[in-house]
Protein backbone atom coordinates (compact mmCIF):
# COMPACT_ATOMS: atom_id res chain seq x y z
CA MET A 1 -1.46 16.78 -6.93
CA THR A 2 -3.17 18.51 -4.04
CA ALA A 3 -1.54 20.19 -1.08
CA GLN A 4 -2.94 17.53 1.26
CA ARG A 5 -1.26 14.76 -0.75
CA MET A 6 2.03 16.67 -0.67
CA VAL A 7 1.77 16.92 3.13
CA TYR A 8 1.32 13.14 3.33
CA LEU A 9 4.25 12.47 1.00
CA THR A 10 6.50 14.97 2.76
CA ALA A 11 5.76 13.50 6.20
CA SER A 12 6.37 10.01 4.83
CA LEU A 13 9.68 10.95 3.22
CA MET A 14 10.91 12.83 6.30
CA THR A 15 10.14 9.83 8.52
CA LEU A 16 11.85 7.50 6.06
CA LEU A 17 14.87 9.82 6.00
CA GLY A 18 15.02 9.69 9.80
CA ILE A 19 14.90 5.90 9.69
CA ALA A 20 17.66 5.84 7.06
CA LEU A 21 19.89 8.19 9.06
CA THR A 22 19.39 6.12 12.21
CA GLY A 23 20.04 2.88 10.37
CA PHE A 24 17.50 0.46 8.96
CA ALA A 25 18.76 -2.34 11.21
CA ARG A 26 18.50 -0.27 14.40
CA VAL A 27 14.93 1.05 14.22
CA SER A 28 11.81 -0.80 15.24
CA PHE A 29 9.50 -2.19 12.57
CA VAL A 30 6.71 -0.05 14.07
CA LEU A 31 8.25 3.06 12.48
CA TYR A 32 7.57 1.64 9.04
CA ILE A 33 3.78 1.68 9.61
CA PRO A 34 3.36 5.49 9.35
CA VAL A 35 5.72 5.58 6.37
CA ALA A 36 3.57 3.02 4.54
CA MET A 37 0.27 4.66 5.55
CA LEU A 38 1.35 8.18 4.60
CA GLY A 39 2.94 7.02 1.38
CA PHE A 40 -0.26 5.22 0.43
CA ALA A 41 -2.30 8.32 1.32
CA GLY A 42 -0.04 10.56 -0.75
CA ILE A 43 -0.22 8.35 -3.81
CA THR A 44 -3.92 7.42 -3.74
CA GLY A 45 -5.48 10.31 -1.83
CA VAL A 46 -7.13 7.89 0.63
CA CYS A 47 -5.75 8.14 4.17
CA PRO A 48 -6.11 4.83 6.07
CA GLY A 49 -5.60 6.52 9.44
CA LEU A 50 -8.35 9.04 8.75
CA LEU A 51 -10.73 6.28 7.68
CA PHE A 52 -9.95 4.31 10.84
CA TRP A 53 -10.61 7.21 13.21
CA ARG A 54 -13.81 8.17 11.40
CA ARG A 55 -15.09 4.60 11.80
CA CYS A 56 -14.30 4.87 15.49
CA GLY A 57 -16.76 7.75 15.71
CA LEU A 58 -14.50 10.78 15.60
CA LYS A 59 -15.23 13.63 13.20
């Protein structure tokens, strides 16, 4: 487990905790997108957001 993966997992878990404390029925479905992306990045090591922005031409 690398430090970068732990950052992704920590950010994902903290966002999910915020959603849980607010109430799953009260938050918008849009808040689940970063949780899923960061969780996927933490588990696999491939960050979908980073791939997207690199394909858009950013370094």
